Amino acid sequence: GGEDADDSSSKEYAAQVCIKSGYVTGADTFVVKVASGGYPLRSNSGCIQVFSQKTGKMEALLMDEGELTELRTAAAGAVAAWCMAPADINCIGMLGTGIQARYQLRFLKHITGCREVLVYGRTPENIKKYVKDCEKEGWNVRVAKHPNHLLDNCELIVTTMSSRQPVLGVDWKYTWESSSPEYGPDPEGRPKGKIPLQHITCIGSDASGKAELSLDLLVAAERAGHLYADSKAQTAERGEFQRRDPRTVGHKTVEPTCTGWRVGELGKAIQGCHFFRSQGKINLSDAFGDKKPISIFDSSGVAVLDCVIAEMVCSALAKAEKEGERER
């Protein structure tokens, strides 16, 4: 889900092919996905094989060349923004200029009326093309000179860089003091920064060794906000929360990740969002406000997303086939 391989700062060989499987209990099918990508491959590729849970026979072969993965990843980002992002978004920050950085904006159009984008990328040619492409789709795009400018100017940030070193929040000078006494003051005694309500969706960290956010930023958000992931177990293995930090407070909670972070899962956030909506609030950000001003969602990609989008495609194809038969 990260930024294009040709936007990498290292240019080191990183191509790989992954074979993944998944199922939903009680569903009619299960899927096996083959996905390839990484430098020097020009783009992501792959296919999804759909099998019957009853017979074990293949029912469909979706030669999507990685397109369905891009779509389901962007959909997860939009759901996270729906659950957690501030209601008033004046600018969307985008870290990265690759394929997923485009899809995230396309899906966010259904979540917010904001059309202002501040983008940071590492390769001038790719930035220029990204700005041109997004402006054709109705976005007003400005270019940031430093990644932390996104933190200073955007209520909603999406990170899509396939990076092995933190990019966002490095040398970040401010933090939030915790509103929860049991977590204590900031470990370094730094002052509380005057930061607006903010949500960050992390897409690029989806393998061991990858990282987009600084530990300072993650620690601050853990103490004074909400941390979520699509899978607690997986984010500790291959997502943003695979790194350990002695300042974390997860050990003071009931079920921290194995790396010590206080992380909830997106499914729980969705349930909470529905509850708060029944109470007249828009989402988690609206419910907690300045008490917990920041939220971070880490998407490392889970198999249930592949199962659902494959089922959607197969259902649409079956419906189209039936309609075609009636017309004949």
Protein backbone atom coordinates (compact mmCIF):
# COMPACT_ATOMS: atom_id res chain seq x y z
CA GLY A 1 0.00 0.00 0.00
CA GLY A 2 2.99 2.32 0.10
CA GLU A 3 4.37 4.91 -2.25
CA ASP A 4 5.64 3.94 -5.71
CA ALA A 5 8.94 2.11 -5.74
CA ASP A 6 10.56 4.71 -7.99
CA ASP A 7 9.92 7.29 -5.26
CA SER A 8 12.17 5.39 -2.88
CA SER A 9 15.20 7.15 -1.49
CA SER A 10 17.35 4.02 -1.37
CA LYS A 11 16.89 2.41 -4.80
CA GLU A 12 17.82 -0.91 -3.19
CA TYR A 13 16.32 -4.12 -4.56
CA ALA A 14 13.09 -4.76 -2.66
CA ALA A 15 10.86 -6.78 -4.99
CA GLN A 16 8.79 -9.51 -3.39
CA VAL A 17 5.84 -11.82 -4.06
CA CYS A 18 3.48 -12.62 -1.18
CA ILE A 19 0.85 -15.37 -1.04
CA LYS A 20 -1.93 -14.70 1.46
CA SER A 21 -5.18 -16.47 2.30
CA GLY A 22 -8.27 -15.58 4.28
CA TYR A 23 -11.83 -16.58 5.07
CA VAL A 24 -14.88 -15.33 6.92
CA THR A 25 -16.58 -17.93 9.12
CA GLY A 26 -19.91 -18.93 7.63
CA ALA A 27 -19.26 -17.33 4.23
CA ASP A 28 -19.60 -19.26 0.98
CA THR A 29 -16.02 -18.72 -0.17
CA PHE A 30 -12.42 -18.20 0.91
CA VAL A 31 -9.66 -16.42 -1.01
CA VAL A 32 -6.01 -16.84 -1.87
CA LYS A 33 -4.24 -13.68 -3.01
CA VAL A 34 -0.93 -13.44 -4.84
CA ALA A 35 0.58 -9.96 -4.61
CA SER A 36 3.86 -8.66 -6.00
CA GLY A 37 5.57 -5.30 -5.80
CA GLY A 38 8.63 -3.36 -4.70
CA TYR A 39 11.63 -1.89 -6.52
CA PRO A 40 12.51 -2.43 -9.38
CA LEU A 41 8.97 -3.53 -10.31
CA ARG A 42 7.12 -0.57 -11.78
CA SER A 43 3.87 -1.13 -9.91
CA ASN A 44 1.95 -3.56 -7.72
CA SER A 45 0.47 -6.62 -9.39
CA GLY A 46 -1.27 -9.89 -8.56
CA CYS A 47 -4.55 -11.80 -8.55
CA ILE A 48 -7.21 -13.13 -6.20
CA GLN A 49 -8.40 -16.75 -6.36
CA VAL A 50 -11.86 -17.41 -4.96
CA PHE A 51 -12.69 -20.93 -3.68
CA SER A 52 -15.87 -22.53 -2.37
CA GLN A 53 -15.77 -23.27 1.37
CA LYS A 54 -18.10 -26.24 0.75
CA THR A 55 -16.37 -27.98 -2.18
CA GLY A 56 -12.87 -26.51 -2.17
CA LYS A 57 -13.15 -25.84 -5.91
CA MET A 58 -12.07 -22.57 -7.47
CA GLU A 59 -15.08 -20.47 -8.43
CA ALA A 60 -13.34 -17.38 -9.79
CA LEU A 61 -9.93 -16.04 -10.75
CA LEU A 62 -9.82 -12.26 -10.48
CA MET A 63 -6.90 -10.96 -12.56
CA ASP A 64 -7.04 -7.51 -11.01
CA GLU A 65 -3.29 -6.72 -11.15
CA GLY A 66 -3.44 -5.40 -7.59
CA GLU A 67 -6.33 -3.01 -8.26
CA LEU A 68 -8.64 -4.61 -5.69
CA THR A 69 -5.95 -4.30 -3.02
CA GLU A 70 -5.63 -0.59 -3.76
CA LEU A 71 -9.40 -0.16 -3.53
CA ARG A 72 -9.91 -2.07 -0.29
CA THR A 73 -6.96 -0.27 1.34
CA ALA A 74 -8.37 3.13 0.40
CA ALA A 75 -11.81 2.07 1.66
CA ALA A 76 -10.32 1.15 5.05
CA GLY A 77 -8.68 4.58 5.24
CA ALA A 78 -11.99 6.28 4.49
CA VAL A 79 -13.78 4.25 7.19
CA ALA A 80 -11.11 5.26 9.72
CA ALA A 81 -11.56 8.92 8.78
CA TRP A 82 -15.33 8.55 9.12
CA CYS A 83 -14.84 7.16 12.63
CA MET A 84 -12.07 9.40 13.92
CA ALA A 85 -11.36 12.53 11.87
CA PRO A 86 -12.46 15.98 13.07
CA ALA A 87 -15.76 17.18 11.65
CA ASP A 88 -14.21 20.42 10.41
CA ILE A 89 -11.41 19.57 7.99
CA ASN A 90 -9.79 22.56 6.31
CA CYS A 91 -6.87 20.71 4.75
CA ILE A 92 -5.91 17.08 4.10
CA GLY A 93 -2.23 16.21 4.45
CA MET A 94 -0.81 13.53 2.15
CA LEU A 95 2.58 11.95 2.81
CA GLY A 96 3.60 10.29 -0.45
CA THR A 97 2.72 10.66 -4.12
CA GLY A 98 2.14 7.09 -5.28
CA ILE A 99 -0.89 5.06 -6.34
CA GLN A 100 -2.41 4.77 -2.87
CA ALA A 101 -2.00 8.51 -2.26
CA ARG A 102 -4.40 9.02 -5.18
CA TYR A 103 -6.91 6.37 -4.13
CA GLN A 104 -7.08 7.70 -0.58
CA LEU A 105 -8.24 11.09 -1.87
CA ARG A 106 -10.81 9.50 -4.17
CA PHE A 107 -12.41 7.65 -1.27
CA LEU A 108 -12.14 10.62 1.11
CA LYS A 109 -14.39 12.57 -1.27
CA HIS A 110 -17.23 10.51 0.19
CA ILE A 111 -16.26 11.41 3.77
CA THR A 112 -15.50 15.13 3.69
CA GLY A 113 -16.27 18.17 1.59
CA CYS A 114 -12.70 19.43 2.00
CA ARG A 115 -10.82 19.70 -1.31
CA GLU A 116 -7.63 21.32 -0.03
CA VAL A 117 -4.53 19.08 0.00
CA LEU A 118 -1.01 19.64 1.31
CA VAL A 119 1.34 16.98 -0.08
CA TYR A 120 4.89 16.02 0.80
CA GLY A 121 6.97 13.75 -1.42
CA ARG A 122 10.62 12.91 -1.94
CA THR A 123 10.94 13.07 -5.73
CA PRO A 124 10.22 16.39 -7.53
CA GLU A 125 9.02 14.74 -10.75
CA ASN A 126 6.55 12.53 -8.90
CA ILE A 127 5.28 15.46 -6.84
CA LYS A 128 4.66 17.49 -9.99
CA LYS A 129 2.73 14.64 -11.62
CA TYR A 130 0.72 14.02 -8.44
CA VAL A 131 -0.33 17.67 -8.23
CA LYS A 132 -1.34 17.68 -11.90
CA ASP A 133 -3.34 14.44 -11.64
CA CYS A 134 -5.15 15.42 -8.45
CA GLU A 135 -6.04 18.88 -9.70
CA LYS A 136 -7.74 17.20 -12.67
CA GLU A 137 -9.90 15.35 -10.13
CA GLY A 138 -10.99 18.56 -8.41
CA TRP A 139 -8.41 18.95 -5.65
CA ASN A 140 -6.51 22.12 -4.78
CA VAL A 141 -3.00 20.89 -4.06
CA ARG A 142 -0.10 22.68 -2.38
CA VAL A 143 3.36 21.22 -1.82
CA ALA A 144 4.96 21.06 1.63
CA LYS A 145 8.71 21.61 1.97
CA HIS A 146 8.92 19.52 5.16
CA PRO A 147 6.77 16.55 6.27
CA ASN A 148 6.06 18.14 9.67
CA HIS A 149 4.28 20.99 7.89
CA LEU A 150 1.43 18.49 7.56
CA LEU A 151 1.20 18.26 11.35
CA ASP A 152 1.08 22.05 11.59
CA ASN A 153 -1.56 22.64 8.93
CA CYS A 154 -3.84 19.61 8.47
CA GLU A 155 -6.66 18.13 10.53
CA LEU A 156 -6.56 14.87 8.55
CA ILE A 157 -3.28 13.27 7.44
CA VAL A 158 -2.73 10.11 5.39
CA THR A 159 0.74 8.55 5.17
CA THR A 160 1.47 6.31 2.17
CA MET A 161 5.27 6.10 1.99
CA SER A 162 6.93 2.71 1.86
CA SER A 163 9.65 3.90 4.23
CA ARG A 164 12.06 2.11 6.54
CA GLN A 165 12.85 5.27 8.49
CA PRO A 166 10.30 7.54 10.22
CA VAL A 167 9.29 10.53 8.11
CA LEU A 168 6.45 12.29 9.95
CA GLY A 169 7.06 13.77 13.40
CA VAL A 170 10.87 13.55 13.33
CA ASP A 171 12.39 16.30 15.53
CA TRP A 172 8.88 17.18 16.58
CA LYS A 173 9.12 19.81 19.33
CA TYR A 174 5.72 19.60 21.00
CA THR A 175 3.54 16.95 22.54
CA TRP A 176 0.22 16.56 24.31
CA GLU A 177 0.01 16.15 28.06
CA SER A 178 -2.22 13.25 28.96
CA SER A 179 -5.74 14.03 30.14
CA SER A 180 -5.69 10.68 31.97
CA PRO A 181 -3.85 10.98 35.33
CA GLU A 182 -2.90 7.31 35.39
CA TYR A 183 -0.61 7.82 32.39
CA GLY A 184 1.29 10.68 34.01
CA PRO A 185 2.98 13.74 32.49
CA ASP A 186 5.12 13.79 29.39
CA PRO A 187 8.26 11.69 30.08
CA GLU A 188 10.62 14.49 28.99
CA GLY A 189 8.62 17.22 30.71
CA ARG A 190 7.93 18.95 27.40
CA PRO A 191 5.16 21.56 27.28
CA LYS A 192 1.73 20.86 25.88
CA GLY A 193 1.64 21.99 22.28
CA LYS A 194 -1.34 23.94 21.01
CA ILE A 195 -2.32 21.44 18.33
CA PRO A 196 -5.76 21.31 16.70
CA LEU A 197 -7.93 18.20 16.61
CA GLN A 198 -6.18 15.80 14.28
CA HIS A 199 -6.41 12.29 12.81
CA ILE A 200 -3.61 10.37 11.07
CA THR A 201 -4.14 7.27 8.92
CA CYS A 202 -0.98 5.22 8.29
CA ILE A 203 -0.91 3.05 5.18
CA GLY A 204 2.73 2.55 4.19
CA SER A 205 4.02 0.49 7.11
CA ASP A 206 2.90 -3.00 6.12
CA ALA A 207 6.03 -5.14 6.58
CA SER A 208 8.71 -5.84 9.14
CA GLY A 209 11.16 -2.95 9.41
CA LYS A 210 8.89 -0.30 7.87
CA ALA A 211 7.96 2.92 9.71
CA GLU A 212 6.43 6.27 8.75
CA LEU A 213 5.80 7.97 12.11
CA SER A 214 8.35 8.97 14.74
CA LEU A 215 8.18 7.33 18.14
CA ASP A 216 7.75 10.79 19.71
CA LEU A 217 4.54 11.25 17.76
CA LEU A 218 3.23 7.76 18.59
CA VAL A 219 4.00 8.16 22.30
CA ALA A 220 2.29 11.55 22.45
CA ALA A 221 -0.79 10.18 20.71
CA GLU A 222 -0.93 7.13 22.99
CA ARG A 223 -0.92 9.30 26.11
CA ALA A 224 -3.43 11.90 24.98
CA GLY A 225 -5.52 10.33 22.26
CA HIS A 226 -6.54 7.11 20.54
CA LEU A 227 -4.41 4.50 18.78
CA TYR A 228 -6.17 2.03 16.50
CA ALA A 229 -5.17 -0.66 14.01
CA ASP A 230 -6.97 -3.07 11.72
CA SER A 231 -5.33 -5.89 13.73
CA LYS A 232 -3.56 -5.52 17.10
CA ALA A 233 -1.51 -8.66 16.55
CA GLN A 234 -0.46 -7.71 13.04
CA THR A 235 0.40 -4.07 13.74
CA ALA A 236 2.83 -5.26 16.42
CA GLU A 237 4.44 -7.59 13.90
CA ARG A 238 4.50 -5.53 10.69
CA GLY A 239 2.79 -2.18 11.28
CA GLU A 240 3.66 1.12 12.98
CA PHE A 241 3.53 -0.45 16.43
CA GLN A 242 6.18 -3.12 15.82
CA ARG A 243 8.75 -0.80 17.48
CA ARG A 244 9.14 -0.71 21.24
CA ASP A 245 9.59 2.40 23.37
CA PRO A 246 10.11 2.61 27.16
CA ARG A 247 7.71 5.56 27.34
CA THR A 248 4.64 3.58 26.25
CA VAL A 249 1.73 3.16 28.67
CA GLY A 250 0.15 0.05 27.17
CA HIS A 251 1.41 -2.01 30.11
CA LYS A 252 -1.06 -0.08 32.29
CA THR A 253 -4.00 -1.32 30.21
CA VAL A 254 -5.78 -4.65 30.11
CA GLU A 255 -4.68 -5.84 26.67
CA PRO A 256 -1.63 -4.03 25.27
CA THR A 257 0.07 -5.19 22.10
CA CYS A 258 3.01 -7.55 22.57
CA THR A 259 5.22 -4.51 21.94
CA GLY A 260 3.59 -2.55 24.76
CA TRP A 261 1.24 -0.10 23.00
CA ARG A 262 -2.30 0.88 24.04
CA VAL A 263 -3.99 0.03 20.73
CA GLY A 264 -7.62 -0.76 19.92
CA GLU A 265 -8.98 -2.39 16.77
CA LEU A 266 -10.94 -0.58 14.07
CA GLY A 267 -13.98 -2.79 14.61
CA LYS A 268 -14.30 -1.48 18.18
CA ALA A 269 -13.92 2.08 16.91
CA ILE A 270 -16.77 1.53 14.46
CA GLN A 271 -18.96 0.20 17.27
CA GLY A 272 -18.08 3.20 19.40
CA CYS A 273 -18.81 5.56 16.54
CA HIS A 274 -22.29 4.11 16.08
CA PHE A 275 -22.94 4.53 19.81
CA PHE A 276 -21.82 8.16 19.82
CA ARG A 277 -23.96 8.85 16.77
CA SER A 278 -26.96 7.59 18.70
CA GLN A 279 -26.04 10.20 21.33
CA GLY A 280 -25.99 13.02 18.77
CA LYS A 281 -22.24 13.07 18.14
CA ILE A 282 -20.62 12.68 14.74
CA ASN A 283 -17.77 10.33 15.66
CA LEU A 284 -14.97 9.74 18.21
CA SER A 285 -13.33 13.10 17.58
CA ASP A 286 -16.60 14.91 18.13
CA ALA A 287 -17.31 12.90 21.29
CA PHE A 288 -13.95 13.43 23.00
CA GLY A 289 -12.85 16.78 21.54
CA ASP A 290 -9.90 18.47 23.29
CA LYS A 291 -9.80 15.77 25.97
CA LYS A 292 -8.29 13.37 23.42
CA PRO A 293 -7.38 15.57 20.45
CA ILE A 294 -5.41 13.13 18.33
CA SER A 295 -6.09 9.71 16.84
CA ILE A 296 -3.88 7.42 14.78
CA PHE A 297 -5.05 4.46 12.73
CA ASP A 298 -2.50 1.97 11.37
CA SER A 299 -3.59 -0.12 8.40
CA SER A 300 -1.25 -3.02 7.70
CA GLY A 301 -3.91 -4.82 5.63
CA VAL A 302 -6.02 -7.77 6.80
CA ALA A 303 -7.38 -10.74 4.89
CA VAL A 304 -11.02 -9.99 5.65
CA LEU A 305 -10.76 -6.95 3.35
CA ASP A 306 -9.72 -9.20 0.47
CA CYS A 307 -12.55 -11.63 1.26
CA VAL A 308 -15.17 -8.87 1.26
CA ILE A 309 -14.05 -7.10 -1.90
CA ALA A 310 -13.70 -10.42 -3.77
CA GLU A 311 -17.27 -11.32 -2.74
CA MET A 312 -18.49 -7.92 -3.92
CA VAL A 313 -16.85 -8.39 -7.34
CA CYS A 314 -18.15 -11.96 -7.75
CA SER A 315 -21.68 -10.88 -6.79
CA ALA A 316 -21.55 -8.00 -9.27
CA LEU A 317 -20.31 -10.31 -12.03
CA ALA A 318 -23.03 -12.88 -11.31
CA LYS A 319 -25.69 -10.15 -11.36
CA ALA A 320 -24.40 -8.78 -14.65
CA GLU A 321 -24.40 -12.27 -16.17
CA LYS A 322 -28.02 -12.86 -15.13
CA GLU A 323 -29.09 -9.50 -16.55
CA GLY A 324 -27.31 -10.34 -19.79
CA GLU A 325 -29.14 -13.64 -20.05
CA ARG A 326 -32.50 -11.90 -19.58
CA GLU A 327 -31.70 -9.42 -22.35
CA ARG A 328 -30.89 -12.26 -24.72
